[in-house]
Structure formats: structure tokens, C-alpha cells
């Protein structure tokens, strides 16, 4: 390459730096601007992936075992988990926290079928946990609320959950217990005391 060409390239590089620093990105096409805009969620998860003990599943859910549980049994979509949890944004701001052990369906919600449940990343994380375990989940936007804001949770947020799995039982068992209690209440009999 000629010396003039190299000087011209160096001049163009300096101009591009000055151009960008001056805020001239507004002259760029929307497609070019979108390509250049960093994705904060992706950047956070990329950095987090390298932390000691963090595991990433095929779907992109990241988790860390804080306390291992007991046994090999894990909840399924047919179960209800009894958990303690705290949900935070990647900034550390808490958006939800259980005040007592909370029953939570393990199955993911499905808008198409109207099925009630939790966000996909939370469902996937619960299914990894044995009884007595405590895990931290990092849920990427696609496994959380995506581009929709939900109350205090901004759109495209990474959700960070600390979850303690106290127990889990089949949803059918809970439904049966509730029906028995309703029958006993209707008949005027008191439920048996433990």
C-alpha cells in the first residue's frame, strides 16, 4: 500500500472517532445505529457467564448453586413448589420478595393456551433444584418478560432470583386436599389436626 493510502486511512479513523464523539451518530441509518447500539442485557450475561460456579443451560438460563439440596428428585410441570425467593434487577434493585414460604406453580405460563404459570426461565430453574437447595438464577429477557415492562420491571431486563426450594408436591395432590377441606367445611366438620 502506498504511504498516501495509509495516511488517508489514519485520517479517516481519526475523523470517525471525532464524528462519533460529537454525537453525529444521528446521521447514521436506523439499521446502522441498531447494529452499533450495545445490548446491556447481553453484555451483562456475557460477563456473568465467566464468574466462578455460573452454569448456562442450552436455553441461556444462567444459574449458580448456592446451597446443594438433598436427593435426586426434581419438580416437574405437574408440581407446585414451596419456595422462598427474592427477585432483583441486574442493578441490584429488588422488585419482589416472598415474606413467607410461597407456593409457586412450576409450569411456565402459556398465553396461547391460557395456561397460568411462571415465566419460562423461572420454570426451567425450578426444575433444576432438589429439595433444600438454594440457587441463584439469571434470566435473560427472552426467558422473562422480553420487551414488555411489568410493573417495576423495565422492558428487556435481566432478572436475578435467589430461590430456596423447601418442597414440591404434585398439583393434583394440592387440588385434592383443597376439595377435601371444602367438603368438610360444607359438611360442618373440622379438618383433622396434624
Protein backbone atom coordinates (compact mmCIF):
# COMPACT_ATOMS: atom_id res chain seq x y z
CA UNK A 1 0.00 0.00 0.00
CA UNK A 2 1.12 3.47 -0.69
CA UNK A 3 2.02 5.87 2.07
CA UNK A 4 -0.74 8.23 0.92
CA UNK A 5 -3.37 5.50 1.27
CA UNK A 6 -2.22 4.69 4.82
CA UNK A 7 -2.28 8.40 5.73
CA UNK A 8 -5.79 8.69 4.31
CA UNK A 9 -6.94 5.66 6.34
CA UNK A 10 -5.43 7.10 9.52
CA UNK A 11 -7.15 10.42 8.79
CA UNK A 12 -10.49 8.62 8.24
CA UNK A 13 -10.10 6.70 11.50
CA UNK A 14 -9.46 9.93 13.42
CA UNK A 15 -12.43 11.54 11.69
CA UNK A 16 -14.66 8.58 12.62
CA UNK A 17 -13.64 8.88 16.28
CA UNK A 18 -14.30 12.63 16.31
CA UNK A 19 -17.54 12.12 14.37
CA UNK A 20 -18.80 9.57 16.90
CA UNK A 21 -17.71 11.62 19.92
CA UNK A 22 -19.57 14.64 18.57
CA UNK A 23 -22.80 12.70 18.60
CA UNK A 24 -23.03 12.51 14.86
CA UNK A 25 -24.45 9.02 15.12
CA UNK A 26 -27.84 10.64 14.49
CA UNK A 27 -26.74 10.87 10.85
CA UNK A 28 -26.41 7.10 10.67
CA UNK A 29 -29.21 4.99 9.26
CA UNK A 30 -31.50 3.35 11.85
CA UNK A 31 -30.20 -0.10 10.86
CA UNK A 32 -26.60 1.01 11.34
CA UNK A 33 -27.43 2.64 14.67
CA UNK A 34 -29.20 -0.54 15.85
CA UNK A 35 -26.15 -2.60 14.96
CA UNK A 36 -23.87 -0.28 16.88
CA UNK A 37 -26.08 0.01 19.97
CA UNK A 38 -24.80 -2.37 22.66
CA UNK A 39 -27.34 -4.69 24.29
CA UNK A 40 -26.91 -4.17 28.05
CA UNK A 41 -28.62 -7.49 28.90
CA UNK A 42 -26.34 -9.46 26.56
CA UNK A 43 -23.26 -7.65 27.87
CA UNK A 44 -24.25 -8.38 31.48
CA UNK A 45 -24.89 -12.08 30.77
CA UNK A 46 -21.66 -12.46 28.80
CA UNK A 47 -19.66 -11.07 31.71
CA UNK A 48 -21.66 -13.12 34.25
CA UNK A 49 -21.05 -16.35 32.32
CA UNK A 50 -17.37 -16.18 33.27
CA UNK A 51 -17.99 -15.96 37.03
CA UNK A 52 -16.98 -18.94 39.14
CA UNK A 53 -19.75 -21.51 39.56
CA UNK A 54 -22.11 -19.99 36.98
CA UNK A 55 -23.64 -22.59 34.65
CA UNK A 56 -25.53 -21.75 31.46
CA UNK A 57 -28.21 -24.06 30.05
CA UNK A 58 -28.91 -24.57 26.35
CA UNK A 59 -31.75 -22.01 26.55
CA UNK A 60 -29.45 -19.34 28.00
CA UNK A 61 -30.65 -19.53 31.61
CA UNK A 62 -27.71 -18.96 33.94
CA UNK A 63 -27.66 -20.35 37.46
CA UNK A 64 -25.38 -20.95 40.40
CA UNK A 65 -25.84 -23.47 43.19
CA UNK A 66 -25.58 -21.56 46.47
CA UNK A 67 -26.63 -24.50 48.66
CA UNK A 68 -26.97 -28.02 47.26
CA UNK A 69 -30.14 -29.85 48.18
CA UNK A 70 -30.88 -33.44 49.13
CA UNK A 71 -31.77 -36.32 46.85
CA UNK A 72 -32.21 -36.69 43.14
CA UNK A 73 -35.90 -35.74 42.86
CA UNK A 74 -36.64 -32.50 40.99
CA UNK A 75 -40.02 -30.82 40.43
CA UNK A 76 -41.84 -31.17 37.11
CA UNK A 77 -44.51 -29.17 35.30
CA UNK A 78 -47.16 -31.12 37.24
CA UNK A 79 -45.84 -29.91 40.61
CA UNK A 80 -46.28 -26.90 42.85
CA UNK A 81 -43.09 -25.79 44.60
CA UNK A 82 -42.95 -24.27 48.06
CA UNK A 83 -40.19 -21.67 47.90
CA UNK A 84 -38.65 -18.58 49.42
CA UNK A 85 -37.43 -16.15 46.79
CA UNK A 86 -36.13 -12.68 46.09
CA UNK A 87 -36.24 -11.12 42.62
CA UNK A 88 -33.89 -8.32 41.63
CA UNK A 89 -32.90 -6.43 38.53
CA UNK A 90 -29.28 -6.74 37.39
CA UNK A 91 -28.74 -3.33 39.03
CA UNK A 92 -29.49 -4.94 42.41
CA UNK A 93 -32.90 -3.29 42.85
CA UNK A 94 -35.36 -5.71 44.49
CA UNK A 95 -38.70 -5.90 42.67
CA UNK A 96 -40.29 -8.82 44.57
CA UNK A 97 -39.60 -10.88 47.69
CA UNK A 98 -41.56 -13.61 49.44
CA UNK A 99 -42.49 -12.78 53.03
CA UNK A 100 -43.09 -16.43 53.89
CA UNK A 101 -42.81 -19.77 52.09
CA UNK A 102 -44.79 -19.33 48.89
CA UNK A 103 -46.46 -22.00 46.75
CA UNK A 104 -45.50 -21.47 43.11
CA UNK A 105 -46.52 -23.46 40.03
CA UNK A 106 -43.52 -24.99 38.32
CA UNK A 107 -45.09 -24.89 34.86
CA UNK A 108 -44.41 -21.93 32.57
CA UNK A 109 -47.31 -19.71 31.60
CA UNK A 110 -48.55 -20.08 28.03
CA UNK A 111 -50.56 -17.17 26.61
CA UNK A 112 -51.61 -19.19 23.55
CA UNK A 113 -53.40 -21.79 25.69
CA UNK A 114 -54.24 -19.50 28.60
CA UNK A 115 -52.29 -21.73 30.99
CA UNK A 116 -51.32 -19.95 34.20
CA UNK A 117 -47.76 -20.30 35.44
CA UNK A 118 -44.43 -18.57 35.87
CA UNK A 119 -42.03 -17.06 33.33
CA UNK A 120 -40.12 -19.69 31.28
CA UNK A 121 -36.72 -19.02 32.88
CA UNK A 122 -38.13 -19.38 36.39
CA UNK A 123 -39.85 -22.65 35.45
CA UNK A 124 -36.64 -24.02 33.95
CA UNK A 125 -34.64 -23.03 37.03
CA UNK A 126 -37.11 -24.59 39.48
CA UNK A 127 -36.87 -27.91 37.59
CA UNK A 128 -33.11 -27.99 38.29
CA UNK A 129 -33.49 -27.81 42.08
CA UNK A 130 -33.77 -30.65 44.59
CA UNK A 131 -35.46 -30.13 47.96
CA UNK A 132 -33.41 -27.99 50.35
CA UNK A 133 -31.37 -26.33 47.57
CA UNK A 134 -30.77 -22.62 47.17
CA UNK A 135 -29.91 -21.36 43.67
CA UNK A 136 -29.39 -18.00 42.01
CA UNK A 137 -30.91 -17.63 38.52
CA UNK A 138 -30.03 -15.01 35.94
CA UNK A 139 -32.91 -14.94 33.49
CA UNK A 140 -32.35 -13.30 30.13
CA UNK A 141 -35.17 -11.15 28.72
CA UNK A 142 -36.29 -13.83 26.22
CA UNK A 143 -36.94 -16.22 29.16
CA UNK A 144 -38.52 -13.47 31.28
CA UNK A 145 -40.79 -10.64 30.22
CA UNK A 146 -38.96 -9.79 26.97
CA UNK A 147 -39.71 -6.38 25.54
CA UNK A 148 -42.71 -5.85 27.83
CA UNK A 149 -42.36 -3.81 31.03
CA UNK A 150 -44.08 -5.43 34.04
CA UNK A 151 -44.72 -3.02 36.92
CA UNK A 152 -41.32 -2.15 38.41
CA UNK A 153 -39.50 -4.35 35.84
CA UNK A 154 -38.34 -2.42 32.76
CA UNK A 155 -38.55 -3.98 29.31
CA UNK A 156 -35.60 -6.17 28.26
CA UNK A 157 -34.42 -6.70 31.83
CA UNK A 158 -32.19 -9.47 33.13
CA UNK A 159 -33.94 -10.87 36.19
CA UNK A 160 -31.90 -12.20 39.11
CA UNK A 161 -33.62 -14.57 41.52
CA UNK A 162 -32.37 -16.19 44.71
CA UNK A 163 -34.62 -19.21 45.26
CA UNK A 164 -34.76 -21.68 48.13
CA UNK A 165 -36.63 -24.92 47.31
CA UNK A 166 -38.36 -26.02 50.50
CA UNK A 167 -40.56 -28.73 49.00
CA UNK A 168 -42.68 -29.65 46.00
CA UNK A 169 -45.79 -31.77 45.55
CA UNK A 170 -47.97 -32.71 42.60
CA UNK A 171 -50.60 -30.07 41.81
CA UNK A 172 -53.23 -32.84 41.77
CA UNK A 173 -52.45 -33.60 45.43
CA UNK A 174 -52.98 -29.97 46.39
CA UNK A 175 -56.23 -29.84 44.43
CA UNK A 176 -57.43 -33.00 46.21
CA UNK A 177 -56.56 -31.53 49.64
CA UNK A 178 -58.44 -28.34 48.82
CA UNK A 179 -61.50 -30.30 47.71
CA UNK A 180 -61.43 -32.30 50.96
CA UNK A 181 -61.24 -29.09 53.01
CA UNK A 182 -64.14 -27.58 51.07
CA UNK A 183 -66.22 -30.74 51.55
CA UNK A 184 -65.50 -30.77 55.27
CA UNK A 185 -66.34 -27.07 55.57
CA UNK A 186 -69.60 -27.60 53.72
CA UNK A 187 -70.48 -30.54 55.97
CA UNK A 188 -69.61 -28.51 59.07
CA UNK A 189 -66.83 -30.83 60.20
CA UNK A 190 -63.47 -29.60 61.26
CA UNK A 191 -60.43 -30.78 59.30
CA UNK A 192 -58.18 -33.21 61.16
CA UNK A 193 -55.43 -31.57 63.16
CA UNK A 194 -51.85 -32.65 62.42
